[in-house]
Amino acid sequence: MEARDAGRVIVVQFPSLEAAKACYDDPAYEEAKRFALQASNRVLLIFEGDLGEAG
């Protein structure tokens, strides 16, 4: 409803908030992160919540 001017939105679900933070902080991600920051203007958010179906 109040989205920024984004051409694409990607959601990646991790088993826990701690797992998401560990992935972001992993040294193996450093090279990919440098490339991504040079290749595009992006906003990366890490948040806790359930993406399961509402029922």
PDB file of N, CA and C in Angstrom:
ATOM      1  N   MET A   1       0.810  -1.187   0.000  1.00  0.00           N
ATOM      2  CA  MET A   1       0.000   0.000   0.000  1.00  0.00           C
ATOM      3  C   MET A   1       0.861   1.261   0.000  1.00  0.00           C
ATOM      4  N   GLU A   2       1.965   1.223   0.700  1.00  0.00           N
ATOM      5  CA  GLU A   2       2.836   2.392   0.770  1.00  0.00           C
ATOM      6  C   GLU A   2       4.230   2.047   0.274  1.00  0.00           C
ATOM      7  N   ALA A   3       4.296   1.196  -0.736  1.00  0.00           N
ATOM      8  CA  ALA A   3       5.573   0.690  -1.230  1.00  0.00           C
ATOM      9  C   ALA A   3       6.410   1.792  -1.847  1.00  0.00           C
ATOM     10  N   ARG A   4       7.693   1.618  -1.733  1.00  0.00           N
ATOM     11  CA  ARG A   4       8.615   2.498  -2.444  1.00  0.00           C
ATOM     12  C   ARG A   4       8.521   2.156  -3.926  1.00  0.00           C
ATOM     13  N   ASP A   5       9.177   2.927  -4.741  1.00  0.00           N
ATOM     14  CA  ASP A   5       9.172   2.675  -6.173  1.00  0.00           C
ATOM     15  C   ASP A   5      10.072   1.475  -6.464  1.00  0.00           C
ATOM     16  N   ALA A   6       9.560   0.300  -6.222  1.00  0.00           N
ATOM     17  CA  ALA A   6      10.336  -0.923  -6.402  1.00  0.00           C
ATOM     18  C   ALA A   6       9.814  -1.685  -7.612  1.00  0.00           C
ATOM     19  N   GLY A   7      10.742  -2.066  -8.470  1.00  0.00           N
ATOM     20  CA  GLY A   7      10.365  -2.858  -9.627  1.00  0.00           C
ATOM     21  C   GLY A   7      10.211  -4.327  -9.291  1.00  0.00           C
ATOM     22  N   ARG A   8      10.786  -4.727  -8.157  1.00  0.00           N
ATOM     23  CA  ARG A   8      10.762  -6.141  -7.786  1.00  0.00           C
ATOM     24  C   ARG A   8      10.870  -6.250  -6.268  1.00  0.00           C
ATOM     25  N   VAL A   9      10.140  -7.195  -5.719  1.00  0.00           N
ATOM     26  CA  VAL A   9      10.216  -7.495  -4.292  1.00  0.00           C
ATOM     27  C   VAL A   9      10.483  -8.984  -4.154  1.00  0.00           C
ATOM     28  N   ILE A  10      11.495  -9.335  -3.389  1.00  0.00           N
ATOM     29  CA  ILE A  10      11.851 -10.736  -3.158  1.00  0.00           C
ATOM     30  C   ILE A  10      11.768 -10.991  -1.664  1.00  0.00           C
ATOM     31  N   VAL A  11      11.101 -12.065  -1.293  1.00  0.00           N
ATOM     32  CA  VAL A  11      10.974 -12.450   0.114  1.00  0.00           C
ATOM     33  C   VAL A  11      11.648 -13.806   0.289  1.00  0.00           C
ATOM     34  N   VAL A  12      12.534 -13.888   1.267  1.00  0.00           N
ATOM     35  CA  VAL A  12      13.202 -15.140   1.594  1.00  0.00           C
ATOM     36  C   VAL A  12      12.855 -15.460   3.034  1.00  0.00           C
ATOM     37  N   GLN A  13      12.321 -16.639   3.267  1.00  0.00           N
ATOM     38  CA  GLN A  13      11.934 -17.031   4.623  1.00  0.00           C
ATOM     39  C   GLN A  13      12.994 -17.948   5.216  1.00  0.00           C
ATOM     40  N   PHE A  14      13.419 -17.638   6.432  1.00  0.00           N
ATOM     41  CA  PHE A  14      14.381 -18.436   7.176  1.00  0.00           C
ATOM     42  C   PHE A  14      13.664 -19.106   8.340  1.00  0.00           C
ATOM     43  N   PRO A  15      14.235 -20.170   8.887  1.00  0.00           N
ATOM     44  CA  PRO A  15      13.584 -20.852  10.002  1.00  0.00           C
ATOM     45  C   PRO A  15      13.498 -20.005  11.272  1.00  0.00           C
ATOM     46  N   SER A  16      14.363 -18.990  11.387  1.00  0.00           N
ATOM     47  CA  SER A  16      14.338 -18.129  12.566  1.00  0.00           C
ATOM     48  C   SER A  16      15.005 -16.794  12.236  1.00  0.00           C
ATOM     49  N   LEU A  17      14.766 -15.811  13.086  1.00  0.00           N
ATOM     50  CA  LEU A  17      15.420 -14.515  12.937  1.00  0.00           C
ATOM     51  C   LEU A  17      16.931 -14.672  13.086  1.00  0.00           C
ATOM     52  N   GLU A  18      17.339 -15.512  14.011  1.00  0.00           N
ATOM     53  CA  GLU A  18      18.768 -15.746  14.220  1.00  0.00           C
ATOM     54  C   GLU A  18      19.430 -16.342  12.982  1.00  0.00           C
ATOM     55  N   ALA A  19      18.733 -17.250  12.293  1.00  0.00           N
ATOM     56  CA  ALA A  19      19.280 -17.860  11.072  1.00  0.00           C
ATOM     57  C   ALA A  19      19.423 -16.816   9.965  1.00  0.00           C
ATOM     58  N   ALA A  20      18.475 -15.904   9.856  1.00  0.00           N
ATOM     59  CA  ALA A  20      18.556 -14.844   8.848  1.00  0.00           C
ATOM     60  C   ALA A  20      19.744 -13.934   9.121  1.00  0.00           C
ATOM     61  N   LYS A  21      19.915 -13.542  10.377  1.00  0.00           N
ATOM     62  CA  LYS A  21      21.045 -12.687  10.733  1.00  0.00           C
ATOM     63  C   LYS A  21      22.366 -13.404  10.521  1.00  0.00           C
ATOM     64  N   ALA A  22      22.421 -14.685  10.838  1.00  0.00           N
ATOM     65  CA  ALA A  22      23.650 -15.461  10.638  1.00  0.00           C
ATOM     66  C   ALA A  22      24.000 -15.548   9.155  1.00  0.00           C
ATOM     67  N   CYS A  23      23.006 -15.708   8.316  1.00  0.00           N
ATOM     68  CA  CYS A  23      23.244 -15.750   6.868  1.00  0.00           C
ATOM     69  C   CYS A  23      23.815 -14.425   6.386  1.00  0.00           C
ATOM     70  N   TYR A  24      23.229 -13.323   6.834  1.00  0.00           N
ATOM     71  CA  TYR A  24      23.696 -12.005   6.417  1.00  0.00           C
ATOM     72  C   TYR A  24      25.122 -11.741   6.900  1.00  0.00           C
ATOM     73  N   ASP A  25      25.454 -12.198   8.091  1.00  0.00           N
ATOM     74  CA  ASP A  25      26.773 -11.958   8.670  1.00  0.00           C
ATOM     75  C   ASP A  25      27.828 -12.980   8.240  1.00  0.00           C
ATOM     76  N   ASP A  26      27.426 -13.999   7.498  1.00  0.00           N
ATOM     77  CA  ASP A  26      28.351 -15.068   7.092  1.00  0.00           C
ATOM     78  C   ASP A  26      29.411 -14.515   6.143  1.00  0.00           C
ATOM     79  N   PRO A  27      30.686 -14.788   6.415  1.00  0.00           N
ATOM     80  CA  PRO A  27      31.756 -14.317   5.523  1.00  0.00           C
ATOM     81  C   PRO A  27      31.583 -14.787   4.073  1.00  0.00           C
ATOM     82  N   ALA A  28      30.946 -15.917   3.868  1.00  0.00           N
ATOM     83  CA  ALA A  28      30.725 -16.419   2.513  1.00  0.00           C
ATOM     84  C   ALA A  28      29.778 -15.514   1.730  1.00  0.00           C
ATOM     85  N   TYR A  29      28.968 -14.724   2.425  1.00  0.00           N
ATOM     86  CA  TYR A  29      28.036 -13.811   1.766  1.00  0.00           C
ATOM     87  C   TYR A  29      28.701 -12.493   1.376  1.00  0.00           C
ATOM     88  N   GLU A  30      29.855 -12.193   1.901  1.00  0.00           N
ATOM     89  CA  GLU A  30      30.518 -10.905   1.660  1.00  0.00           C
ATOM     90  C   GLU A  30      30.704 -10.594   0.175  1.00  0.00           C
ATOM     91  N   GLU A  31      31.200 -11.552  -0.598  1.00  0.00           N
ATOM     92  CA  GLU A  31      31.430 -11.306  -2.027  1.00  0.00           C
ATOM     93  C   GLU A  31      30.107 -11.035  -2.751  1.00  0.00           C
ATOM     94  N   ALA A  32      29.101 -11.820  -2.464  1.00  0.00           N
ATOM     95  CA  ALA A  32      27.797 -11.610  -3.097  1.00  0.00           C
ATOM     96  C   ALA A  32      27.219 -10.256  -2.706  1.00  0.00           C
ATOM     97  N   LYS A  33      27.399  -9.869  -1.451  1.00  0.00           N
ATOM     98  CA  LYS A  33      26.872  -8.587  -0.984  1.00  0.00           C
ATOM     99  C   LYS A  33      27.567  -7.425  -1.693  1.00  0.00           C
ATOM    100  N   ARG A  34      28.879  -7.498  -1.849  1.00  0.00           N
ATOM    101  CA  ARG A  34      29.600  -6.426  -2.570  1.00  0.00           C
ATOM    102  C   ARG A  34      29.083  -6.303  -3.996  1.00  0.00           C
ATOM    103  N   PHE A  35      28.910  -7.427  -4.663  1.00  0.00           N
ATOM    104  CA  PHE A  35      28.396  -7.418  -6.033  1.00  0.00           C
ATOM    105  C   PHE A  35      26.986  -6.827  -6.077  1.00  0.00           C
ATOM    106  N   ALA A  36      26.127  -7.258  -5.180  1.00  0.00           N
ATOM    107  CA  ALA A  36      24.735  -6.794  -5.172  1.00  0.00           C
ATOM    108  C   ALA A  36      24.657  -5.293  -4.940  1.00  0.00           C
ATOM    109  N   LEU A  37      25.467  -4.775  -4.043  1.00  0.00           N
ATOM    110  CA  LEU A  37      25.434  -3.344  -3.758  1.00  0.00           C
ATOM    111  C   LEU A  37      25.913  -2.514  -4.942  1.00  0.00           C
ATOM    112  N   GLN A  38      26.802  -3.060  -5.757  1.00  0.00           N
ATOM    113  CA  GLN A  38      27.270  -2.353  -6.945  1.00  0.00           C
ATOM    114  C   GLN A  38      26.297  -2.499  -8.107  1.00  0.00           C
ATOM    115  N   ALA A  39      25.578  -3.599  -8.141  1.00  0.00           N
ATOM    116  CA  ALA A  39      24.723  -3.913  -9.288  1.00  0.00           C
ATOM    117  C   ALA A  39      23.347  -3.268  -9.224  1.00  0.00           C
ATOM    118  N   SER A  40      22.893  -2.914  -8.027  1.00  0.00           N
ATOM    119  CA  SER A  40      21.537  -2.394  -7.937  1.00  0.00           C
ATOM    120  C   SER A  40      21.367  -1.500  -6.717  1.00  0.00           C
ATOM    121  N   ASN A  41      20.323  -0.698  -6.775  1.00  0.00           N
ATOM    122  CA  ASN A  41      19.923   0.111  -5.633  1.00  0.00           C
ATOM    123  C   ASN A  41      18.900  -0.721  -4.888  1.00  0.00           C
ATOM    124  N   ARG A  42      19.214  -1.135  -3.674  1.00  0.00           N
ATOM    125  CA  ARG A  42      18.317  -2.051  -2.986  1.00  0.00           C
ATOM    126  C   ARG A  42      18.135  -1.672  -1.532  1.00  0.00           C
ATOM    127  N   VAL A  43      17.065  -2.184  -0.987  1.00  0.00           N
ATOM    128  CA  VAL A  43      16.782  -2.052   0.436  1.00  0.00           C
ATOM    129  C   VAL A  43      16.599  -3.468   0.956  1.00  0.00           C
ATOM    130  N   LEU A  44      17.405  -3.857   1.907  1.00  0.00           N
ATOM    131  CA  LEU A  44      17.313  -5.196   2.479  1.00  0.00           C
ATOM    132  C   LEU A  44      16.769  -5.063   3.896  1.00  0.00           C
ATOM    133  N   LEU A  45      15.701  -5.782   4.165  1.00  0.00           N
ATOM    134  CA  LEU A  45      15.079  -5.761   5.484  1.00  0.00           C
ATOM    135  C   LEU A  45      15.093  -7.162   6.066  1.00  0.00           C
ATOM    136  N   ILE A  46      15.384  -7.257   7.338  1.00  0.00           N
ATOM    137  CA  ILE A  46      15.254  -8.522   8.059  1.00  0.00           C
ATOM    138  C   ILE A  46      14.238  -8.270   9.163  1.00  0.00           C
ATOM    139  N   PHE A  47      13.195  -9.066   9.175  1.00  0.00           N
ATOM    140  CA  PHE A  47      12.158  -8.878  10.216  1.00  0.00           C
ATOM    141  C   PHE A  47      11.656 -10.235  10.669  1.00  0.00           C
ATOM    142  N   GLU A  48      11.082 -10.241  11.832  1.00  0.00           N
ATOM    143  CA  GLU A  48      10.543 -11.470  12.406  1.00  0.00           C
ATOM    144  C   GLU A  48       9.043 -11.497  12.202  1.00  0.00           C
ATOM    145  N   GLY A  49       8.540 -12.628  11.774  1.00  0.00           N
ATOM    146  CA  GLY A  49       7.104 -12.771  11.579  1.00  0.00           C
ATOM    147  C   GLY A  49       6.797 -14.080  10.872  1.00  0.00           C
ATOM    148  N   ASP A  50       5.543 -14.421  10.800  1.00  0.00           N
ATOM    149  CA  ASP A  50       5.106 -15.659  10.170  1.00  0.00           C
ATOM    150  C   ASP A  50       4.540 -15.331   8.799  1.00  0.00           C
ATOM    151  N   LEU A  51       5.111 -15.946   7.770  1.00  0.00           N
ATOM    152  CA  LEU A  51       4.630 -15.717   6.405  1.00  0.00           C
ATOM    153  C   LEU A  51       3.667 -16.809   5.953  1.00  0.00           C
ATOM    154  N   GLY A  52       3.247 -17.656   6.895  1.00  0.00           N
ATOM    155  CA  GLY A  52       2.326 -18.740   6.565  1.00  0.00           C
ATOM    156  C   GLY A  52       0.973 -18.195   6.164  1.00  0.00           C
ATOM    157  N   GLU A  53       0.144 -19.064   5.637  1.00  0.00           N
ATOM    158  CA  GLU A  53      -1.187 -18.656   5.198  1.00  0.00           C
ATOM    159  C   GLU A  53      -2.023 -18.174   6.376  1.00  0.00           C
ATOM    160  N   ALA A  54      -2.737 -17.096   6.159  1.00  0.00           N
ATOM    161  CA  ALA A  54      -3.675 -16.621   7.179  1.00  0.00           C
ATOM    162  C   ALA A  54      -4.867 -17.570   7.193  1.00  0.00           C
ATOM    163  N   GLY A  55      -5.332 -17.873   8.363  1.00  0.00           N
ATOM    164  CA  GLY A  55      -6.453 -18.814   8.379  1.00  0.00           C
ATOM    165  C   GLY A  55      -7.337 -18.536   9.429  1.00  0.00           C
TER     166      GLY A  55
END
